[in-house]
Amino acid sequence: MMTGGEYSVASQQVLQLAAQSGCSAYDCEFVGLAQDLGVTFVTADRQILAAFPSVAVSPESFVARR
């Protein structure tokens, strides 16, 4: 069921995002993936929301857009 749903994010991109934002590399993998796919990253993580306002939105903001 999961076949074809896997994605990889370049380590260099993740490390650059982490260094620039102060967020963890783990969190930046999701940010990088959202950037690569051109989608909105819905999260309640305040640090990510503050560091990546062009990619990340809160669940409340996401629902309000619909």
PDB file of N, CA and C in Angstrom:
ATOM      1  N   MET A   1       0.814  -1.194   0.000  1.00  0.00           N
ATOM      2  CA  MET A   1       0.000   0.000   0.000  1.00  0.00           C
ATOM      3  C   MET A   1       0.860   1.262   0.000  1.00  0.00           C
ATOM      4  N   MET A   2       2.026   1.182   0.559  1.00  0.00           N
ATOM      5  CA  MET A   2       2.872   2.367   0.671  1.00  0.00           C
ATOM      6  C   MET A   2       3.792   2.543  -0.539  1.00  0.00           C
ATOM      7  N   THR A   3       3.892   1.526  -1.378  1.00  0.00           N
ATOM      8  CA  THR A   3       4.784   1.586  -2.519  1.00  0.00           C
ATOM      9  C   THR A   3       4.444   2.789  -3.396  1.00  0.00           C
ATOM     10  N   GLY A   4       5.478   3.548  -3.723  1.00  0.00           N
ATOM     11  CA  GLY A   4       5.305   4.724  -4.550  1.00  0.00           C
ATOM     12  C   GLY A   4       5.033   5.986  -3.752  1.00  0.00           C
ATOM     13  N   GLY A   5       4.880   5.862  -2.454  1.00  0.00           N
ATOM     14  CA  GLY A   5       4.604   7.022  -1.613  1.00  0.00           C
ATOM     15  C   GLY A   5       5.816   7.508  -0.841  1.00  0.00           C
ATOM     16  N   GLU A   6       6.979   6.954  -1.184  1.00  0.00           N
ATOM     17  CA  GLU A   6       8.190   7.355  -0.485  1.00  0.00           C
ATOM     18  C   GLU A   6       8.852   8.527  -1.204  1.00  0.00           C
ATOM     19  N   TYR A   7       9.451   9.407  -0.432  1.00  0.00           N
ATOM     20  CA  TYR A   7      10.160  10.550  -0.985  1.00  0.00           C
ATOM     21  C   TYR A   7      11.486  10.696  -0.262  1.00  0.00           C
ATOM     22  N   SER A   8      12.457  11.251  -0.942  1.00  0.00           N
ATOM     23  CA  SER A   8      13.723  11.554  -0.292  1.00  0.00           C
ATOM     24  C   SER A   8      13.995  13.047  -0.449  1.00  0.00           C
ATOM     25  N   VAL A   9      14.676  13.569   0.533  1.00  0.00           N
ATOM     26  CA  VAL A   9      15.042  14.976   0.531  1.00  0.00           C
ATOM     27  C   VAL A   9      16.560  15.034   0.627  1.00  0.00           C
ATOM     28  N   ALA A  10      17.173  15.882  -0.165  1.00  0.00           N
ATOM     29  CA  ALA A  10      18.632  15.993  -0.180  1.00  0.00           C
ATOM     30  C   ALA A  10      19.148  16.415   1.199  1.00  0.00           C
ATOM     31  N   SER A  11      20.128  15.687   1.699  1.00  0.00           N
ATOM     32  CA  SER A  11      20.699  15.976   3.019  1.00  0.00           C
ATOM     33  C   SER A  11      21.251  17.391   3.089  1.00  0.00           C
ATOM     34  N   GLN A  12      21.882  17.848   2.020  1.00  0.00           N
ATOM     35  CA  GLN A  12      22.445  19.200   2.000  1.00  0.00           C
ATOM     36  C   GLN A  12      21.350  20.244   2.195  1.00  0.00           C
ATOM     37  N   GLN A  13      20.208  20.036   1.561  1.00  0.00           N
ATOM     38  CA  GLN A  13      19.074  20.947   1.702  1.00  0.00           C
ATOM     39  C   GLN A  13      18.582  20.954   3.150  1.00  0.00           C
ATOM     40  N   VAL A  14      18.445  19.784   3.741  1.00  0.00           N
ATOM     41  CA  VAL A  14      17.971  19.666   5.115  1.00  0.00           C
ATOM     42  C   VAL A  14      18.917  20.369   6.072  1.00  0.00           C
ATOM     43  N   LEU A  15      20.204  20.121   5.921  1.00  0.00           N
ATOM     44  CA  LEU A  15      21.193  20.737   6.809  1.00  0.00           C
ATOM     45  C   LEU A  15      21.228  22.251   6.647  1.00  0.00           C
ATOM     46  N   GLN A  16      21.068  22.729   5.422  1.00  0.00           N
ATOM     47  CA  GLN A  16      21.042  24.175   5.181  1.00  0.00           C
ATOM     48  C   GLN A  16      19.816  24.807   5.847  1.00  0.00           C
ATOM     49  N   LEU A  17      18.665  24.182   5.708  1.00  0.00           N
ATOM     50  CA  LEU A  17      17.448  24.683   6.346  1.00  0.00           C
ATOM     51  C   LEU A  17      17.598  24.705   7.871  1.00  0.00           C
ATOM     52  N   ALA A  18      18.191  23.648   8.413  1.00  0.00           N
ATOM     53  CA  ALA A  18      18.388  23.559   9.862  1.00  0.00           C
ATOM     54  C   ALA A  18      19.347  24.638  10.354  1.00  0.00           C
ATOM     55  N   ALA A  19      20.425  24.846   9.630  1.00  0.00           N
ATOM     56  CA  ALA A  19      21.415  25.847  10.023  1.00  0.00           C
ATOM     57  C   ALA A  19      20.828  27.255   9.963  1.00  0.00           C
ATOM     58  N   GLN A  20      20.023  27.527   8.957  1.00  0.00           N
ATOM     59  CA  GLN A  20      19.433  28.856   8.787  1.00  0.00           C
ATOM     60  C   GLN A  20      18.334  29.137   9.804  1.00  0.00           C
ATOM     61  N   SER A  21      17.609  28.108  10.203  1.00  0.00           N
ATOM     62  CA  SER A  21      16.413  28.323  11.024  1.00  0.00           C
ATOM     63  C   SER A  21      16.594  28.016  12.500  1.00  0.00           C
ATOM     64  N   GLY A  22      17.534  27.146  12.826  1.00  0.00           N
ATOM     65  CA  GLY A  22      17.661  26.702  14.207  1.00  0.00           C
ATOM     66  C   GLY A  22      16.725  25.553  14.540  1.00  0.00           C
ATOM     67  N   CYS A  23      15.930  25.114  13.566  1.00  0.00           N
ATOM     68  CA  CYS A  23      15.049  23.964  13.757  1.00  0.00           C
ATOM     69  C   CYS A  23      15.867  22.686  13.622  1.00  0.00           C
ATOM     70  N   SER A  24      15.336  21.594  14.111  1.00  0.00           N
ATOM     71  CA  SER A  24      16.057  20.323  14.016  1.00  0.00           C
ATOM     72  C   SER A  24      16.095  19.834  12.568  1.00  0.00           C
ATOM     73  N   ALA A  25      17.083  19.023  12.272  1.00  0.00           N
ATOM     74  CA  ALA A  25      17.177  18.428  10.933  1.00  0.00           C
ATOM     75  C   ALA A  25      15.950  17.565  10.657  1.00  0.00           C
ATOM     76  N   TYR A  26      15.476  16.880  11.669  1.00  0.00           N
ATOM     77  CA  TYR A  26      14.269  16.060  11.525  1.00  0.00           C
ATOM     78  C   TYR A  26      13.106  16.921  11.037  1.00  0.00           C
ATOM     79  N   ASP A  27      12.874  18.053  11.699  1.00  0.00           N
ATOM     80  CA  ASP A  27      11.791  18.944  11.290  1.00  0.00           C
ATOM     81  C   ASP A  27      12.020  19.499   9.893  1.00  0.00           C
ATOM     82  N   CYS A  28      13.266  19.815   9.590  1.00  0.00           N
ATOM     83  CA  CYS A  28      13.588  20.412   8.292  1.00  0.00           C
ATOM     84  C   CYS A  28      13.440  19.433   7.139  1.00  0.00           C
ATOM     85  N   GLU A  29      13.452  18.129   7.428  1.00  0.00           N
ATOM     86  CA  GLU A  29      13.157  17.161   6.363  1.00  0.00           C
ATOM     87  C   GLU A  29      11.740  17.369   5.854  1.00  0.00           C
ATOM     88  N   PHE A  30      10.804  17.630   6.751  1.00  0.00           N
ATOM     89  CA  PHE A  30       9.411  17.862   6.354  1.00  0.00           C
ATOM     90  C   PHE A  30       9.268  19.189   5.621  1.00  0.00           C
ATOM     91  N   VAL A  31       9.976  20.204   6.086  1.00  0.00           N
ATOM     92  CA  VAL A  31       9.951  21.503   5.415  1.00  0.00           C
ATOM     93  C   VAL A  31      10.512  21.355   4.000  1.00  0.00           C
ATOM     94  N   GLY A  32      11.656  20.700   3.875  1.00  0.00           N
ATOM     95  CA  GLY A  32      12.281  20.488   2.567  1.00  0.00           C
ATOM     96  C   GLY A  32      11.381  19.696   1.631  1.00  0.00           C
ATOM     97  N   LEU A  33      10.724  18.693   2.160  1.00  0.00           N
ATOM     98  CA  LEU A  33       9.817  17.892   1.334  1.00  0.00           C
ATOM     99  C   LEU A  33       8.651  18.749   0.843  1.00  0.00           C
ATOM    100  N   ALA A  34       8.085  19.556   1.727  1.00  0.00           N
ATOM    101  CA  ALA A  34       6.988  20.446   1.315  1.00  0.00           C
ATOM    102  C   ALA A  34       7.454  21.412   0.233  1.00  0.00           C
ATOM    103  N   GLN A  35       8.669  21.947   0.392  1.00  0.00           N
ATOM    104  CA  GLN A  35       9.210  22.850  -0.627  1.00  0.00           C
ATOM    105  C   GLN A  35       9.382  22.119  -1.951  1.00  0.00           C
ATOM    106  N   ASP A  36       9.955  20.925  -1.916  1.00  0.00           N
ATOM    107  CA  ASP A  36      10.186  20.156  -3.135  1.00  0.00           C
ATOM    108  C   ASP A  36       8.885  19.809  -3.853  1.00  0.00           C
ATOM    109  N   LEU A  37       7.853  19.479  -3.081  1.00  0.00           N
ATOM    110  CA  LEU A  37       6.571  19.084  -3.670  1.00  0.00           C
ATOM    111  C   LEU A  37       5.684  20.287  -4.002  1.00  0.00           C
ATOM    112  N   GLY A  38       6.074  21.467  -3.507  1.00  0.00           N
ATOM    113  CA  GLY A  38       5.278  22.662  -3.767  1.00  0.00           C
ATOM    114  C   GLY A  38       3.945  22.658  -3.044  1.00  0.00           C
ATOM    115  N   VAL A  39       3.953  22.097  -1.828  1.00  0.00           N
ATOM    116  CA  VAL A  39       2.724  22.019  -1.047  1.00  0.00           C
ATOM    117  C   VAL A  39       2.884  22.790   0.261  1.00  0.00           C
ATOM    118  N   THR A  40       1.774  23.028   0.920  1.00  0.00           N
ATOM    119  CA  THR A  40       1.772  23.680   2.216  1.00  0.00           C
ATOM    120  C   THR A  40       2.049  22.640   3.292  1.00  0.00           C
ATOM    121  N   PHE A  41       2.882  23.005   4.249  1.00  0.00           N
ATOM    122  CA  PHE A  41       3.197  22.141   5.388  1.00  0.00           C
ATOM    123  C   PHE A  41       2.325  22.570   6.554  1.00  0.00           C
ATOM    124  N   VAL A  42       1.391  21.729   6.944  1.00  0.00           N
ATOM    125  CA  VAL A  42       0.482  22.034   8.039  1.00  0.00           C
ATOM    126  C   VAL A  42       1.082  21.467   9.322  1.00  0.00           C
ATOM    127  N   THR A  43       1.327  22.359  10.280  1.00  0.00           N
ATOM    128  CA  THR A  43       1.956  21.951  11.535  1.00  0.00           C
ATOM    129  C   THR A  43       1.526  22.859  12.676  1.00  0.00           C
ATOM    130  N   ALA A  44       1.580  22.316  13.881  1.00  0.00           N
ATOM    131  CA  ALA A  44       1.313  23.106  15.075  1.00  0.00           C
ATOM    132  C   ALA A  44       2.618  23.524  15.748  1.00  0.00           C
ATOM    133  N   ASP A  45       3.739  23.145  15.171  1.00  0.00           N
ATOM    134  CA  ASP A  45       5.055  23.463  15.747  1.00  0.00           C
ATOM    135  C   ASP A  45       5.340  24.953  15.585  1.00  0.00           C
ATOM    136  N   ARG A  46       5.382  25.676  16.684  1.00  0.00           N
ATOM    137  CA  ARG A  46       5.549  27.134  16.642  1.00  0.00           C
ATOM    138  C   ARG A  46       6.892  27.554  16.049  1.00  0.00           C
ATOM    139  N   GLN A  47       7.930  26.793  16.318  1.00  0.00           N
ATOM    140  CA  GLN A  47       9.252  27.143  15.796  1.00  0.00           C
ATOM    141  C   GLN A  47       9.266  27.040  14.269  1.00  0.00           C
ATOM    142  N   ILE A  48       8.676  26.003  13.737  1.00  0.00           N
ATOM    143  CA  ILE A  48       8.605  25.844  12.284  1.00  0.00           C
ATOM    144  C   ILE A  48       7.732  26.931  11.665  1.00  0.00           C
ATOM    145  N   LEU A  49       6.603  27.211  12.298  1.00  0.00           N
ATOM    146  CA  LEU A  49       5.709  28.261  11.790  1.00  0.00           C
ATOM    147  C   LEU A  49       6.419  29.608  11.724  1.00  0.00           C
ATOM    148  N   ALA A  50       7.224  29.906  12.731  1.00  0.00           N
ATOM    149  CA  ALA A  50       7.945  31.183  12.752  1.00  0.00           C
ATOM    150  C   ALA A  50       9.085  31.212  11.746  1.00  0.00           C
ATOM    151  N   ALA A  51       9.779  30.096  11.595  1.00  0.00           N
ATOM    152  CA  ALA A  51      10.960  30.051  10.724  1.00  0.00           C
ATOM    153  C   ALA A  51      10.617  29.925   9.246  1.00  0.00           C
ATOM    154  N   PHE A  52       9.476  29.340   8.930  1.00  0.00           N
ATOM    155  CA  PHE A  52       9.131  29.066   7.532  1.00  0.00           C
ATOM    156  C   PHE A  52       7.707  29.524   7.197  1.00  0.00           C
ATOM    157  N   PRO A  53       7.430  30.811   7.334  1.00  0.00           N
ATOM    158  CA  PRO A  53       6.059  31.289   7.094  1.00  0.00           C
ATOM    159  C   PRO A  53       5.592  31.149   5.643  1.00  0.00           C
ATOM    160  N   SER A  54       6.523  31.005   4.715  1.00  0.00           N
ATOM    161  CA  SER A  54       6.106  30.863   3.312  1.00  0.00           C
ATOM    162  C   SER A  54       5.702  29.425   2.974  1.00  0.00           C
ATOM    163  N   VAL A  55       6.033  28.480   3.852  1.00  0.00           N
ATOM    164  CA  VAL A  55       5.744  27.066   3.596  1.00  0.00           C
ATOM    165  C   VAL A  55       4.789  26.493   4.636  1.00  0.00           C
ATOM    166  N   ALA A  56       4.971  26.883   5.896  1.00  0.00           N
ATOM    167  CA  ALA A  56       4.238  26.270   6.998  1.00  0.00           C
ATOM    168  C   ALA A  56       3.056  27.128   7.445  1.00  0.00           C
ATOM    169  N   VAL A  57       1.946  26.465   7.735  1.00  0.00           N
ATOM    170  CA  VAL A  57       0.765  27.132   8.279  1.00  0.00           C
ATOM    171  C   VAL A  57       0.201  26.267   9.408  1.00  0.00           C
ATOM    172  N   SER A  58      -0.490  26.912  10.317  1.00  0.00           N
ATOM    173  CA  SER A  58      -1.133  26.186  11.410  1.00  0.00           C
ATOM    174  C   SER A  58      -2.361  25.456  10.876  1.00  0.00           C
ATOM    175  N   PRO A  59      -2.793  24.429  11.590  1.00  0.00           N
ATOM    176  CA  PRO A  59      -4.022  23.741  11.149  1.00  0.00           C
ATOM    177  C   PRO A  59      -5.213  24.690  11.059  1.00  0.00           C
ATOM    178  N   GLU A  60      -5.311  25.627  12.011  1.00  0.00           N
ATOM    179  CA  GLU A  60      -6.414  26.574  12.005  1.00  0.00           C
ATOM    180  C   GLU A  60      -6.387  27.463  10.765  1.00  0.00           C
ATOM    181  N   SER A  61      -5.190  27.927  10.417  1.00  0.00           N
ATOM    182  CA  SER A  61      -5.054  28.764   9.221  1.00  0.00           C
ATOM    183  C   SER A  61      -5.366  27.987   7.959  1.00  0.00           C
ATOM    184  N   PHE A  62      -4.963  26.743   7.936  1.00  0.00           N
ATOM    185  CA  PHE A  62      -5.211  25.909   6.769  1.00  0.00           C
ATOM    186  C   PHE A  62      -6.713  25.699   6.563  1.00  0.00           C
ATOM    187  N   VAL A  63      -7.408  25.403   7.648  1.00  0.00           N
ATOM    188  CA  VAL A  63      -8.857  25.179   7.562  1.00  0.00           C
ATOM    189  C   VAL A  63      -9.569  26.465   7.164  1.00  0.00           C
ATOM    190  N   ALA A  64      -9.109  27.595   7.675  1.00  0.00           N
ATOM    191  CA  ALA A  64      -9.752  28.881   7.356  1.00  0.00           C
ATOM    192  C   ALA A  64      -9.613  29.238   5.881  1.00  0.00           C
ATOM    193  N   ARG A  65      -8.554  28.746   5.240  1.00  0.00           N
ATOM    194  CA  ARG A  65      -8.352  29.020   3.808  1.00  0.00           C
ATOM    195  C   ARG A  65      -9.341  28.266   2.942  1.00  0.00           C
ATOM    196  N   ARG A  66      -9.828  27.176   3.423  1.00  0.00           N
ATOM    197  CA  ARG A  66     -10.693  26.298   2.616  1.00  0.00           C
ATOM    198  C   ARG A  66     -12.050  26.884   2.600  1.00  0.00           C
TER     199      ARG A  66
END
